[in-house]
Amino acid sequence: MFDRFKSLPISKSAVLNGQAVASVIFMMTSVILVLAVGFLVGFRSQASFFEWVLAASLLIIFSIAITWLSIPFALAAQSVDGASAFSYLVLILLFVSSAFVPASGMPRIIQIFAENQPMTQVIQPMRQLLASQPIGNHGWLALAWLVGIALISYIAGTRIYRHV
């Protein structure tokens, strides 16, 4: 399939960028559906319009970073199973974060890891924004993690794609 794309009169980055845009749109559609179900079952937020805009912006940046993070792994994988195995790495980060329980209740070594990994840094400002609480440094830390992940993954993905 890649040979066919390479023979077409399109830029080399169009395939990867198109896949990334489609993935981000799919993720944002999923988020909207989850929020709709949350509102149906009683979720209410005290957040202002500006806080909702910040939360949505953070989610879009998160979607972009996760999408670009998955692209180098998918390109380097030898099979579909190998490419899908990447999702387990992301799930581990999610489960060892403050998503489900406060990091303060975790064993010390896990607590240190949980407090200093990207998922916690994204979850905390999202939680605080939707609760209309100040986000402190968590917003900047989340942004730094996500931009760093997206940038490094973009560079790795485009380099691997050149050799595929």
C-alpha atoms as a PDB file:
ATOM      1  CA  MET A   1       0.000   0.000   0.000  1.00  0.00           C
ATOM      2  CA  PHE A   2       2.826   2.397   0.835  1.00  0.00           C
ATOM      3  CA  ASP A   3       4.392   1.758  -2.563  1.00  0.00           C
ATOM      4  CA  ARG A   4       1.126   2.876  -4.168  1.00  0.00           C
ATOM      5  CA  PHE A   5       1.019   6.034  -2.045  1.00  0.00           C
ATOM      6  CA  LYS A   6       4.633   6.809  -2.906  1.00  0.00           C
ATOM      7  CA  SER A   7       3.869   6.524  -6.615  1.00  0.00           C
ATOM      8  CA  LEU A   8       1.023   9.063  -6.397  1.00  0.00           C
ATOM      9  CA  PRO A   9       1.680  12.786  -6.957  1.00  0.00           C
ATOM     10  CA  ILE A  10       1.164  13.717  -3.293  1.00  0.00           C
ATOM     11  CA  SER A  11       3.551  14.946  -0.650  1.00  0.00           C
ATOM     12  CA  LYS A  12       5.237  12.276   1.411  1.00  0.00           C
ATOM     13  CA  SER A  13       3.761  13.658   4.612  1.00  0.00           C
ATOM     14  CA  ALA A  14       0.168  13.649   3.299  1.00  0.00           C
ATOM     15  CA  VAL A  15      -0.404  10.001   4.221  1.00  0.00           C
ATOM     16  CA  LEU A  16       0.793  10.392   7.803  1.00  0.00           C
ATOM     17  CA  ASN A  17      -0.881  13.766   8.297  1.00  0.00           C
ATOM     18  CA  GLY A  18      -4.166  12.472   6.868  1.00  0.00           C
ATOM     19  CA  GLN A  19      -4.086   9.499   9.211  1.00  0.00           C
ATOM     20  CA  ALA A  20      -3.305  11.753  12.152  1.00  0.00           C
ATOM     21  CA  VAL A  21      -6.155  14.161  11.356  1.00  0.00           C
ATOM     22  CA  ALA A  22      -8.610  11.267  10.957  1.00  0.00           C
ATOM     23  CA  SER A  23      -7.478   9.776  14.263  1.00  0.00           C
ATOM     24  CA  VAL A  24      -7.834  13.089  16.118  1.00  0.00           C
ATOM     25  CA  ILE A  25     -11.348  13.573  14.683  1.00  0.00           C
ATOM     26  CA  PHE A  26     -12.259  10.032  15.769  1.00  0.00           C
ATOM     27  CA  MET A  27     -10.908  10.641  19.291  1.00  0.00           C
ATOM     28  CA  MET A  28     -12.749  13.938  19.640  1.00  0.00           C
ATOM     29  CA  THR A  29     -15.980  12.295  18.460  1.00  0.00           C
ATOM     30  CA  SER A  30     -15.482   9.632  21.131  1.00  0.00           C
ATOM     31  CA  VAL A  31     -14.895  12.301  23.785  1.00  0.00           C
ATOM     32  CA  ILE A  32     -18.074  14.138  22.774  1.00  0.00           C
ATOM     33  CA  LEU A  33     -20.054  10.892  23.030  1.00  0.00           C
ATOM     34  CA  VAL A  34     -18.620  10.149  26.469  1.00  0.00           C
ATOM     35  CA  LEU A  35     -19.440  13.685  27.636  1.00  0.00           C
ATOM     36  CA  ALA A  36     -22.982  13.363  26.268  1.00  0.00           C
ATOM     37  CA  VAL A  37     -23.503  10.114  28.167  1.00  0.00           C
ATOM     38  CA  GLY A  38     -22.010  11.738  31.254  1.00  0.00           C
ATOM     39  CA  PHE A  39     -24.493  14.606  31.034  1.00  0.00           C
ATOM     40  CA  LEU A  40     -27.341  12.120  30.514  1.00  0.00           C
ATOM     41  CA  VAL A  41     -26.442  10.247  33.708  1.00  0.00           C
ATOM     42  CA  GLY A  42     -26.052  13.398  35.779  1.00  0.00           C
ATOM     43  CA  PHE A  43     -22.579  14.880  35.340  1.00  0.00           C
ATOM     44  CA  ARG A  44     -22.640  18.620  35.923  1.00  0.00           C
ATOM     45  CA  SER A  45     -19.705  20.989  35.768  1.00  0.00           C
ATOM     46  CA  GLN A  46     -19.296  24.392  37.350  1.00  0.00           C
ATOM     47  CA  ALA A  47     -16.735  25.350  34.711  1.00  0.00           C
ATOM     48  CA  SER A  48     -17.048  28.617  32.835  1.00  0.00           C
ATOM     49  CA  PHE A  49     -17.046  28.844  29.047  1.00  0.00           C
ATOM     50  CA  PHE A  50     -13.333  29.748  29.110  1.00  0.00           C
ATOM     51  CA  GLU A  51     -12.527  26.710  31.279  1.00  0.00           C
ATOM     52  CA  TRP A  52     -14.426  24.472  28.844  1.00  0.00           C
ATOM     53  CA  VAL A  53     -12.426  25.973  25.963  1.00  0.00           C
ATOM     54  CA  LEU A  54      -9.170  25.284  27.838  1.00  0.00           C
ATOM     55  CA  ALA A  55     -10.292  21.713  28.606  1.00  0.00           C
ATOM     56  CA  ALA A  56     -11.252  21.125  24.958  1.00  0.00           C
ATOM     57  CA  SER A  57      -7.923  22.573  23.794  1.00  0.00           C
ATOM     58  CA  LEU A  58      -6.038  20.292  26.176  1.00  0.00           C
ATOM     59  CA  LEU A  59      -8.012  17.291  24.887  1.00  0.00           C
ATOM     60  CA  ILE A  60      -7.229  18.173  21.278  1.00  0.00           C
ATOM     61  CA  ILE A  61      -3.516  18.539  22.049  1.00  0.00           C
ATOM     62  CA  PHE A  62      -3.647  15.242  23.979  1.00  0.00           C
ATOM     63  CA  SER A  63      -5.290  13.544  20.977  1.00  0.00           C
ATOM     64  CA  ILE A  64      -2.632  14.895  18.644  1.00  0.00           C
ATOM     65  CA  ALA A  65       0.180  13.737  20.942  1.00  0.00           C
ATOM     66  CA  ILE A  66      -1.251  10.226  21.413  1.00  0.00           C
ATOM     67  CA  THR A  67      -1.905   9.901  17.680  1.00  0.00           C
ATOM     68  CA  TRP A  68       1.635  10.900  16.746  1.00  0.00           C
ATOM     69  CA  LEU A  69       3.032   8.717  19.525  1.00  0.00           C
ATOM     70  CA  SER A  70       1.313   5.687  18.016  1.00  0.00           C
ATOM     71  CA  ILE A  71       2.452   6.341  14.426  1.00  0.00           C
ATOM     72  CA  PRO A  72       6.157   5.376  14.828  1.00  0.00           C
ATOM     73  CA  PHE A  73       5.178   2.201  16.699  1.00  0.00           C
ATOM     74  CA  ALA A  74       2.620   1.271  14.042  1.00  0.00           C
ATOM     75  CA  LEU A  75       5.079   1.886  11.204  1.00  0.00           C
ATOM     76  CA  ALA A  76       7.809  -0.126  12.896  1.00  0.00           C
ATOM     77  CA  ALA A  77       5.518  -3.057  13.724  1.00  0.00           C
ATOM     78  CA  GLN A  78       5.746  -6.175  11.609  1.00  0.00           C
ATOM     79  CA  SER A  79       2.054  -7.051  11.985  1.00  0.00           C
ATOM     80  CA  VAL A  80      -1.306  -5.669  13.045  1.00  0.00           C
ATOM     81  CA  ASP A  81      -0.942  -7.461  16.373  1.00  0.00           C
ATOM     82  CA  GLY A  82       2.407  -5.814  16.917  1.00  0.00           C
ATOM     83  CA  ALA A  83       0.978  -2.404  16.139  1.00  0.00           C
ATOM     84  CA  SER A  84      -1.973  -2.882  18.487  1.00  0.00           C
ATOM     85  CA  ALA A  85       0.332  -3.991  21.306  1.00  0.00           C
ATOM     86  CA  PHE A  86       1.389  -0.354  21.630  1.00  0.00           C
ATOM     87  CA  SER A  87      -1.951   0.462  23.264  1.00  0.00           C
ATOM     88  CA  TYR A  88      -0.921  -1.598  26.294  1.00  0.00           C
ATOM     89  CA  LEU A  89       1.909   0.845  27.000  1.00  0.00           C
ATOM     90  CA  VAL A  90      -0.564   3.732  27.039  1.00  0.00           C
ATOM     91  CA  LEU A  91      -2.934   1.761  29.283  1.00  0.00           C
ATOM     92  CA  ILE A  92      -0.147   1.107  31.782  1.00  0.00           C
ATOM     93  CA  LEU A  93       0.476   4.851  32.005  1.00  0.00           C
ATOM     94  CA  LEU A  94      -3.244   5.413  32.529  1.00  0.00           C
ATOM     95  CA  PHE A  95      -3.563   2.822  35.291  1.00  0.00           C
ATOM     96  CA  VAL A  96      -0.429   4.061  37.080  1.00  0.00           C
ATOM     97  CA  SER A  97      -1.667   7.654  37.221  1.00  0.00           C
ATOM     98  CA  SER A  98      -4.089   9.649  39.307  1.00  0.00           C
ATOM     99  CA  ALA A  99      -6.965   8.817  36.936  1.00  0.00           C
ATOM    100  CA  PHE A 100      -8.664   6.340  39.251  1.00  0.00           C
ATOM    101  CA  VAL A 101      -7.144   6.924  42.688  1.00  0.00           C
ATOM    102  CA  PRO A 102      -5.141   9.794  44.187  1.00  0.00           C
ATOM    103  CA  ALA A 103      -1.410   9.291  43.826  1.00  0.00           C
ATOM    104  CA  SER A 104      -0.982  10.089  47.529  1.00  0.00           C
ATOM    105  CA  GLY A 105      -2.538   6.717  48.423  1.00  0.00           C
ATOM    106  CA  MET A 106      -0.076   4.700  46.323  1.00  0.00           C
ATOM    107  CA  PRO A 107       3.128   3.047  47.538  1.00  0.00           C
ATOM    108  CA  ARG A 108       5.971   5.588  47.525  1.00  0.00           C
ATOM    109  CA  ILE A 109       7.828   4.318  44.426  1.00  0.00           C
ATOM    110  CA  ILE A 110       4.639   4.090  42.376  1.00  0.00           C
ATOM    111  CA  GLN A 111       3.512   7.462  43.750  1.00  0.00           C
ATOM    112  CA  ILE A 112       6.700   9.147  42.504  1.00  0.00           C
ATOM    113  CA  PHE A 113       6.217   7.619  39.059  1.00  0.00           C
ATOM    114  CA  ALA A 114       2.481   8.417  38.982  1.00  0.00           C
ATOM    115  CA  GLU A 115       2.989  12.049  39.929  1.00  0.00           C
ATOM    116  CA  ASN A 116       5.664  12.621  37.278  1.00  0.00           C
ATOM    117  CA  GLN A 117       4.288  10.921  34.198  1.00  0.00           C
ATOM    118  CA  PRO A 118       2.308  12.520  31.367  1.00  0.00           C
ATOM    119  CA  MET A 119      -1.118  10.992  32.062  1.00  0.00           C
ATOM    120  CA  THR A 120      -1.311  12.472  35.559  1.00  0.00           C
ATOM    121  CA  GLN A 121      -0.120  15.812  34.240  1.00  0.00           C
ATOM    122  CA  VAL A 122      -3.002  15.822  31.735  1.00  0.00           C
ATOM    123  CA  ILE A 123      -5.663  14.377  34.050  1.00  0.00           C
ATOM    124  CA  GLN A 124      -5.087  16.866  36.870  1.00  0.00           C
ATOM    125  CA  PRO A 125      -5.734  20.078  34.879  1.00  0.00           C
ATOM    126  CA  MET A 126      -8.721  18.451  33.130  1.00  0.00           C
ATOM    127  CA  ARG A 127     -10.225  17.513  36.484  1.00  0.00           C
ATOM    128  CA  GLN A 128      -9.525  20.955  37.941  1.00  0.00           C
ATOM    129  CA  LEU A 129     -10.806  22.839  34.898  1.00  0.00           C
ATOM    130  CA  LEU A 130     -14.105  20.955  34.879  1.00  0.00           C
ATOM    131  CA  ALA A 131     -14.444  21.505  38.637  1.00  0.00           C
ATOM    132  CA  SER A 132     -13.723  25.228  38.118  1.00  0.00           C
ATOM    133  CA  GLN A 133     -10.629  25.094  40.328  1.00  0.00           C
ATOM    134  CA  PRO A 134      -7.218  26.672  39.679  1.00  0.00           C
ATOM    135  CA  ILE A 135      -4.934  24.372  37.713  1.00  0.00           C
ATOM    136  CA  GLY A 136      -1.637  25.664  39.073  1.00  0.00           C
ATOM    137  CA  ASN A 137       1.442  24.363  37.251  1.00  0.00           C
ATOM    138  CA  HIS A 138      -0.341  21.250  35.983  1.00  0.00           C
ATOM    139  CA  GLY A 139      -1.486  23.040  32.826  1.00  0.00           C
ATOM    140  CA  TRP A 140       2.025  24.059  31.823  1.00  0.00           C
ATOM    141  CA  LEU A 141       3.441  20.640  32.709  1.00  0.00           C
ATOM    142  CA  ALA A 142       0.735  18.925  30.646  1.00  0.00           C
ATOM    143  CA  LEU A 143       1.415  21.224  27.722  1.00  0.00           C
ATOM    144  CA  ALA A 144       5.170  20.609  27.954  1.00  0.00           C
ATOM    145  CA  TRP A 145       4.690  16.824  28.052  1.00  0.00           C
ATOM    146  CA  LEU A 146       2.222  16.794  25.176  1.00  0.00           C
ATOM    147  CA  VAL A 147       4.168  19.125  22.895  1.00  0.00           C
ATOM    148  CA  GLY A 148       7.376  17.195  23.622  1.00  0.00           C
ATOM    149  CA  ILE A 149       5.732  13.840  22.931  1.00  0.00           C
ATOM    150  CA  ALA A 150       4.093  15.102  19.737  1.00  0.00           C
ATOM    151  CA  LEU A 151       7.271  16.709  18.426  1.00  0.00           C
ATOM    152  CA  ILE A 152       9.540  13.730  19.114  1.00  0.00           C
ATOM    153  CA  SER A 153       6.947  11.288  17.750  1.00  0.00           C
ATOM    154  CA  TYR A 154       6.393  13.378  14.627  1.00  0.00           C
ATOM    155  CA  ILE A 155      10.109  13.399  13.883  1.00  0.00           C
ATOM    156  CA  ALA A 156      10.420   9.657  14.563  1.00  0.00           C
ATOM    157  CA  GLY A 157       7.297   8.845  12.559  1.00  0.00           C
ATOM    158  CA  THR A 158       8.384  10.790   9.497  1.00  0.00           C
ATOM    159  CA  ARG A 159      11.860   9.233   9.592  1.00  0.00           C
ATOM    160  CA  ILE A 160      10.482   5.711   9.875  1.00  0.00           C
ATOM    161  CA  TYR A 161       7.936   6.429   7.108  1.00  0.00           C
ATOM    162  CA  ARG A 162      10.744   7.407   4.717  1.00  0.00           C
ATOM    163  CA  HIS A 163      12.221   3.921   5.111  1.00  0.00           C
ATOM    164  CA  VAL A 164       8.977   1.955   4.855  1.00  0.00           C
END
